[in-house]
Amino acid sequence: MKDQNLVPAYQKMLSRVEAANKKTLHKRIETAIETAVELEELSREEAENIGDYLLRDLQDAAKFIVSTEQALADWIRFDLELIEERLLNMFSLMVDQSRLELDNLAERAHQAIEWHTGEITGLGTLYCANCNKPIYFQKPDYIPACPNCEATLFKRTLD
């Protein structure tokens, strides 16, 4: 069983990324990682993993918005009323920051991004890479194996 403290840690680190007054998203995430380690909330490995998850999710949302010119609501693909307003606002602000960085880092924006069972993800819909079954995340949580086929690899969009 996964340590359930890591899901709230994802949300806490997202809050710290939002609050950090560093210029780049990478610096903001590095600061949030260091704070979590210094406060002994997480081990370095846990904090770095969560930092990677945050960066992946924010960059993916920004990539979607940049490449499709659609709104964050389309990326999330479910009723925004179901999401905590504060979490949505934080995520939106960080997506805007990430989107700016992606405009300058087009190479990264074209990377194939994958999600794996056992990782933590933020808001949105993931699709099983094997059977395309959607899994909806209305808050940060661990990614389970596909409930349809037990596969462990997911993508954000149907390909």
Foldseek 3Di string as FASTA:
>chain_A
DDDPLLQVLLVVLLVQLLVDPDQASVVSLVVSLVVCVVVVVDPSVSSVLSSVQLLLQLLQLLLCCVVVVDDSCVLLVDDPVLADPVSVVSSVVSSVRSNVVCVVVVVVSPDFDKAWAQGKHAGHWKAAPVPGDIDGHRGIDGHHQPPVPRHTIIGSDDD
